[in-house]
Amino acid sequence: MDARCPECGRAATLDEGIENVDCPHCGFHAGYEEYLEIMKEKAINMSSDYVPDRPGI
């Protein structure tokens, strides 16, 4: 199964036991729980950086 690498953005590999995420492109490695925390933090940062392009807000 594939996962998005938080370091380079390319496809990383999620092992069969859903325990580790490894990126063959940049060498990123993390346990699945740690990976989820990293991706959660990235999502929070992306949402806080979002500024709607609407007048009056």
PDB file of N, CA and C in Angstrom:
ATOM      1  N   MET A   1       0.852  -1.164   0.000  1.00  0.00           N
ATOM      2  CA  MET A   1       0.000   0.000   0.000  1.00  0.00           C
ATOM      3  C   MET A   1       0.901   1.230   0.000  1.00  0.00           C
ATOM      4  N   ASP A   2       0.446   2.278  -0.659  1.00  0.00           N
ATOM      5  CA  ASP A   2       1.223   3.510  -0.745  1.00  0.00           C
ATOM      6  C   ASP A   2       0.715   4.555   0.239  1.00  0.00           C
ATOM      7  N   ALA A   3       1.615   5.421   0.634  1.00  0.00           N
ATOM      8  CA  ALA A   3       1.310   6.565   1.483  1.00  0.00           C
ATOM      9  C   ALA A   3       2.102   7.748   0.940  1.00  0.00           C
ATOM     10  N   ARG A   4       1.689   8.938   1.229  1.00  0.00           N
ATOM     11  CA  ARG A   4       2.423  10.113   0.767  1.00  0.00           C
ATOM     12  C   ARG A   4       3.562  10.409   1.740  1.00  0.00           C
ATOM     13  N   CYS A   5       4.761  10.575   1.216  1.00  0.00           N
ATOM     14  CA  CYS A   5       5.919  10.869   2.048  1.00  0.00           C
ATOM     15  C   CYS A   5       5.844  12.318   2.539  1.00  0.00           C
ATOM     16  N   PRO A   6       5.965  12.540   3.840  1.00  0.00           N
ATOM     17  CA  PRO A   6       5.904  13.906   4.359  1.00  0.00           C
ATOM     18  C   PRO A   6       7.160  14.722   4.065  1.00  0.00           C
ATOM     19  N   GLU A   7       8.236  14.055   3.693  1.00  0.00           N
ATOM     20  CA  GLU A   7       9.497  14.756   3.404  1.00  0.00           C
ATOM     21  C   GLU A   7       9.568  15.220   1.953  1.00  0.00           C
ATOM     22  N   CYS A   8       9.363  14.295   1.008  1.00  0.00           N
ATOM     23  CA  CYS A   8       9.542  14.648  -0.401  1.00  0.00           C
ATOM     24  C   CYS A   8       8.226  14.713  -1.178  1.00  0.00           C
ATOM     25  N   GLY A   9       7.123  14.207  -0.603  1.00  0.00           N
ATOM     26  CA  GLY A   9       5.824  14.276  -1.258  1.00  0.00           C
ATOM     27  C   GLY A   9       5.560  13.173  -2.267  1.00  0.00           C
ATOM     28  N   ARG A  10       6.518  12.300  -2.477  1.00  0.00           N
ATOM     29  CA  ARG A  10       6.337  11.196  -3.415  1.00  0.00           C
ATOM     30  C   ARG A  10       5.720  10.000  -2.703  1.00  0.00           C
ATOM     31  N   ALA A  11       5.532   8.920  -3.433  1.00  0.00           N
ATOM     32  CA  ALA A  11       4.887   7.726  -2.878  1.00  0.00           C
ATOM     33  C   ALA A  11       5.845   6.971  -1.961  1.00  0.00           C
ATOM     34  N   ALA A  12       5.424   6.785  -0.732  1.00  0.00           N
ATOM     35  CA  ALA A  12       6.151   5.970   0.234  1.00  0.00           C
ATOM     36  C   ALA A  12       5.395   4.651   0.368  1.00  0.00           C
ATOM     37  N   THR A  13       6.025   3.682   0.996  1.00  0.00           N
ATOM     38  CA  THR A  13       5.434   2.359   1.134  1.00  0.00           C
ATOM     39  C   THR A  13       4.988   2.118   2.568  1.00  0.00           C
ATOM     40  N   LEU A  14       3.752   1.679   2.710  1.00  0.00           N
ATOM     41  CA  LEU A  14       3.211   1.262   3.997  1.00  0.00           C
ATOM     42  C   LEU A  14       3.271  -0.256   4.012  1.00  0.00           C
ATOM     43  N   ASP A  15       3.942  -0.838   5.007  1.00  0.00           N
ATOM     44  CA  ASP A  15       4.130  -2.291   5.004  1.00  0.00           C
ATOM     45  C   ASP A  15       2.820  -3.037   5.245  1.00  0.00           C
ATOM     46  N   GLU A  16       2.845  -4.333   4.993  1.00  0.00           N
ATOM     47  CA  GLU A  16       1.655  -5.182   5.086  1.00  0.00           C
ATOM     48  C   GLU A  16       1.019  -5.164   6.469  1.00  0.00           C
ATOM     49  N   GLY A  17       1.806  -5.082   7.512  1.00  0.00           N
ATOM     50  CA  GLY A  17       1.291  -5.079   8.873  1.00  0.00           C
ATOM     51  C   GLY A  17       0.827  -3.720   9.347  1.00  0.00           C
ATOM     52  N   ILE A  18       0.888  -2.719   8.478  1.00  0.00           N
ATOM     53  CA  ILE A  18       0.536  -1.334   8.788  1.00  0.00           C
ATOM     54  C   ILE A  18       1.277  -0.876  10.048  1.00  0.00           C
ATOM     55  N   GLU A  19       2.590  -1.066  10.026  1.00  0.00           N
ATOM     56  CA  GLU A  19       3.421  -0.690  11.165  1.00  0.00           C
ATOM     57  C   GLU A  19       4.467   0.362  10.820  1.00  0.00           C
ATOM     58  N   ASN A  20       4.964   0.361   9.577  1.00  0.00           N
ATOM     59  CA  ASN A  20       6.044   1.274   9.192  1.00  0.00           C
ATOM     60  C   ASN A  20       5.773   1.911   7.839  1.00  0.00           C
ATOM     61  N   VAL A  21       6.249   3.145   7.698  1.00  0.00           N
ATOM     62  CA  VAL A  21       6.187   3.862   6.425  1.00  0.00           C
ATOM     63  C   VAL A  21       7.625   4.145   6.014  1.00  0.00           C
ATOM     64  N   ASP A  22       7.973   3.727   4.796  1.00  0.00           N
ATOM     65  CA  ASP A  22       9.323   3.918   4.269  1.00  0.00           C
ATOM     66  C   ASP A  22       9.245   4.556   2.890  1.00  0.00           C
ATOM     67  N   CYS A  23      10.090   5.555   2.655  1.00  0.00           N
ATOM     68  CA  CYS A  23      10.158   6.196   1.346  1.00  0.00           C
ATOM     69  C   CYS A  23      11.444   5.776   0.650  1.00  0.00           C
ATOM     70  N   PRO A  24      11.329   5.108  -0.488  1.00  0.00           N
ATOM     71  CA  PRO A  24      12.528   4.705  -1.216  1.00  0.00           C
ATOM     72  C   PRO A  24      13.217   5.866  -1.931  1.00  0.00           C
ATOM     73  N   HIS A  25      12.541   7.002  -2.029  1.00  0.00           N
ATOM     74  CA  HIS A  25      13.082   8.144  -2.764  1.00  0.00           C
ATOM     75  C   HIS A  25      13.998   9.012  -1.911  1.00  0.00           C
ATOM     76  N   CYS A  26      13.590   9.291  -0.660  1.00  0.00           N
ATOM     77  CA  CYS A  26      14.393  10.193   0.177  1.00  0.00           C
ATOM     78  C   CYS A  26      14.898   9.515   1.451  1.00  0.00           C
ATOM     79  N   GLY A  27      14.471   8.268   1.714  1.00  0.00           N
ATOM     80  CA  GLY A  27      14.956   7.552   2.883  1.00  0.00           C
ATOM     81  C   GLY A  27      14.154   7.789   4.153  1.00  0.00           C
ATOM     82  N   PHE A  28      13.021   8.468   4.059  1.00  0.00           N
ATOM     83  CA  PHE A  28      12.169   8.699   5.228  1.00  0.00           C
ATOM     84  C   PHE A  28      11.714   7.360   5.803  1.00  0.00           C
ATOM     85  N   HIS A  29      11.725   7.253   7.131  1.00  0.00           N
ATOM     86  CA  HIS A  29      11.230   6.062   7.814  1.00  0.00           C
ATOM     87  C   HIS A  29      10.569   6.487   9.118  1.00  0.00           C
ATOM     88  N   ALA A  30       9.382   5.944   9.363  1.00  0.00           N
ATOM     89  CA  ALA A  30       8.685   6.215  10.621  1.00  0.00           C
ATOM     90  C   ALA A  30       7.702   5.089  10.894  1.00  0.00           C
ATOM     91  N   GLY A  31       7.397   4.903  12.159  1.00  0.00           N
ATOM     92  CA  GLY A  31       6.325   4.002  12.527  1.00  0.00           C
ATOM     93  C   GLY A  31       5.006   4.611  12.082  1.00  0.00           C
ATOM     94  N   TYR A  32       3.995   3.786  11.909  1.00  0.00           N
ATOM     95  CA  TYR A  32       2.723   4.277  11.384  1.00  0.00           C
ATOM     96  C   TYR A  32       2.094   5.335  12.288  1.00  0.00           C
ATOM     97  N   GLU A  33       2.129   5.138  13.596  1.00  0.00           N
ATOM     98  CA  GLU A  33       1.551   6.125  14.516  1.00  0.00           C
ATOM     99  C   GLU A  33       2.293   7.461  14.423  1.00  0.00           C
ATOM    100  N   GLU A  34       3.619   7.403  14.346  1.00  0.00           N
ATOM    101  CA  GLU A  34       4.416   8.623  14.196  1.00  0.00           C
ATOM    102  C   GLU A  34       4.104   9.304  12.866  1.00  0.00           C
ATOM    103  N   TYR A  35       3.965   8.512  11.808  1.00  0.00           N
ATOM    104  CA  TYR A  35       3.613   9.034  10.487  1.00  0.00           C
ATOM    105  C   TYR A  35       2.279   9.781  10.543  1.00  0.00           C
ATOM    106  N   LEU A  36       1.284   9.191  11.211  1.00  0.00           N
ATOM    107  CA  LEU A  36      -0.021   9.846  11.330  1.00  0.00           C
ATOM    108  C   LEU A  36       0.091  11.188  12.051  1.00  0.00           C
ATOM    109  N   GLU A  37       0.905  11.248  13.103  1.00  0.00           N
ATOM    110  CA  GLU A  37       1.098  12.504  13.831  1.00  0.00           C
ATOM    111  C   GLU A  37       1.771  13.555  12.951  1.00  0.00           C
ATOM    112  N   ILE A  38       2.758  13.147  12.167  1.00  0.00           N
ATOM    113  CA  ILE A  38       3.447  14.076  11.256  1.00  0.00           C
ATOM    114  C   ILE A  38       2.463  14.632  10.234  1.00  0.00           C
ATOM    115  N   MET A  39       1.666  13.745   9.634  1.00  0.00           N
ATOM    116  CA  MET A  39       0.716  14.173   8.612  1.00  0.00           C
ATOM    117  C   MET A  39      -0.398  15.031   9.219  1.00  0.00           C
ATOM    118  N   LYS A  40      -0.806  14.724  10.429  1.00  0.00           N
ATOM    119  CA  LYS A  40      -1.825  15.524  11.115  1.00  0.00           C
ATOM    120  C   LYS A  40      -1.306  16.943  11.339  1.00  0.00           C
ATOM    121  N   GLU A  41      -0.057  17.057  11.776  1.00  0.00           N
ATOM    122  CA  GLU A  41       0.550  18.375  12.000  1.00  0.00           C
ATOM    123  C   GLU A  41       0.644  19.158  10.691  1.00  0.00           C
ATOM    124  N   LYS A  42       1.002  18.476   9.606  1.00  0.00           N
ATOM    125  CA  LYS A  42       1.071  19.137   8.302  1.00  0.00           C
ATOM    126  C   LYS A  42      -0.300  19.650   7.875  1.00  0.00           C
ATOM    127  N   ALA A  43      -1.349  18.862   8.115  1.00  0.00           N
ATOM    128  CA  ALA A  43      -2.708  19.278   7.759  1.00  0.00           C
ATOM    129  C   ALA A  43      -3.141  20.487   8.581  1.00  0.00           C
ATOM    130  N   ILE A  44      -2.814  20.504   9.855  1.00  0.00           N
ATOM    131  CA  ILE A  44      -3.156  21.641  10.707  1.00  0.00           C
ATOM    132  C   ILE A  44      -2.439  22.892  10.223  1.00  0.00           C
ATOM    133  N   ASN A  45      -1.164  22.759   9.882  1.00  0.00           N
ATOM    134  CA  ASN A  45      -0.403  23.903   9.385  1.00  0.00           C
ATOM    135  C   ASN A  45      -0.960  24.413   8.062  1.00  0.00           C
ATOM    136  N   MET A  46      -1.360  23.497   7.181  1.00  0.00           N
ATOM    137  CA  MET A  46      -1.930  23.907   5.895  1.00  0.00           C
ATOM    138  C   MET A  46      -3.236  24.668   6.099  1.00  0.00           C
ATOM    139  N   SER A  47      -4.063  24.193   7.011  1.00  0.00           N
ATOM    140  CA  SER A  47      -5.347  24.862   7.235  1.00  0.00           C
ATOM    141  C   SER A  47      -5.164  26.222   7.896  1.00  0.00           C
ATOM    142  N   SER A  48      -4.174  26.377   8.752  1.00  0.00           N
ATOM    143  CA  SER A  48      -3.956  27.675   9.391  1.00  0.00           C
ATOM    144  C   SER A  48      -3.328  28.680   8.430  1.00  0.00           C
ATOM    145  N   ASP A  49      -2.645  28.195   7.394  1.00  0.00           N
ATOM    146  CA  ASP A  49      -2.056  29.079   6.395  1.00  0.00           C
ATOM    147  C   ASP A  49      -3.058  29.508   5.327  1.00  0.00           C
ATOM    148  N   TYR A  50      -4.196  28.824   5.277  1.00  0.00           N
ATOM    149  CA  TYR A  50      -5.194  29.118   4.252  1.00  0.00           C
ATOM    150  C   TYR A  50      -5.877  30.450   4.526  1.00  0.00           C
ATOM    151  N   VAL A  51      -5.881  31.305   3.514  1.00  0.00           N
ATOM    152  CA  VAL A  51      -6.570  32.582   3.600  1.00  0.00           C
ATOM    153  C   VAL A  51      -7.541  32.623   2.434  1.00  0.00           C
ATOM    154  N   PRO A  52      -8.841  32.646   2.707  1.00  0.00           N
ATOM    155  CA  PRO A  52      -9.816  32.660   1.613  1.00  0.00           C
ATOM    156  C   PRO A  52      -9.685  33.942   0.798  1.00  0.00           C
ATOM    157  N   ASP A  53      -9.871  33.813  -0.489  1.00  0.00           N
ATOM    158  CA  ASP A  53      -9.781  34.946  -1.407  1.00  0.00           C
ATOM    159  C   ASP A  53     -11.184  35.495  -1.648  1.00  0.00           C
ATOM    160  N   ARG A  54     -11.780  35.988  -0.554  1.00  0.00           N
ATOM    161  CA  ARG A  54     -13.123  36.550  -0.662  1.00  0.00           C
ATOM    162  C   ARG A  54     -13.127  37.928   0.002  1.00  0.00           C
ATOM    163  N   PRO A  55     -13.634  38.919  -0.663  1.00  0.00           N
ATOM    164  CA  PRO A  55     -13.707  40.248  -0.055  1.00  0.00           C
ATOM    165  C   PRO A  55     -14.700  40.265   1.099  1.00  0.00           C
ATOM    166  N   GLY A  56     -14.412  41.053   2.087  1.00  0.00           N
ATOM    167  CA  GLY A  56     -15.325  41.224   3.200  1.00  0.00           C
ATOM    168  C   GLY A  56     -15.065  40.284   4.373  1.00  0.00           C
ATOM    169  N   ILE A  57     -14.053  39.486   4.283  1.00  0.00           N
ATOM    170  CA  ILE A  57     -13.749  38.560   5.388  1.00  0.00           C
ATOM    171  C   ILE A  57     -12.529  39.050   6.115  1.00  0.00           C
TER     172      ILE A  57
END
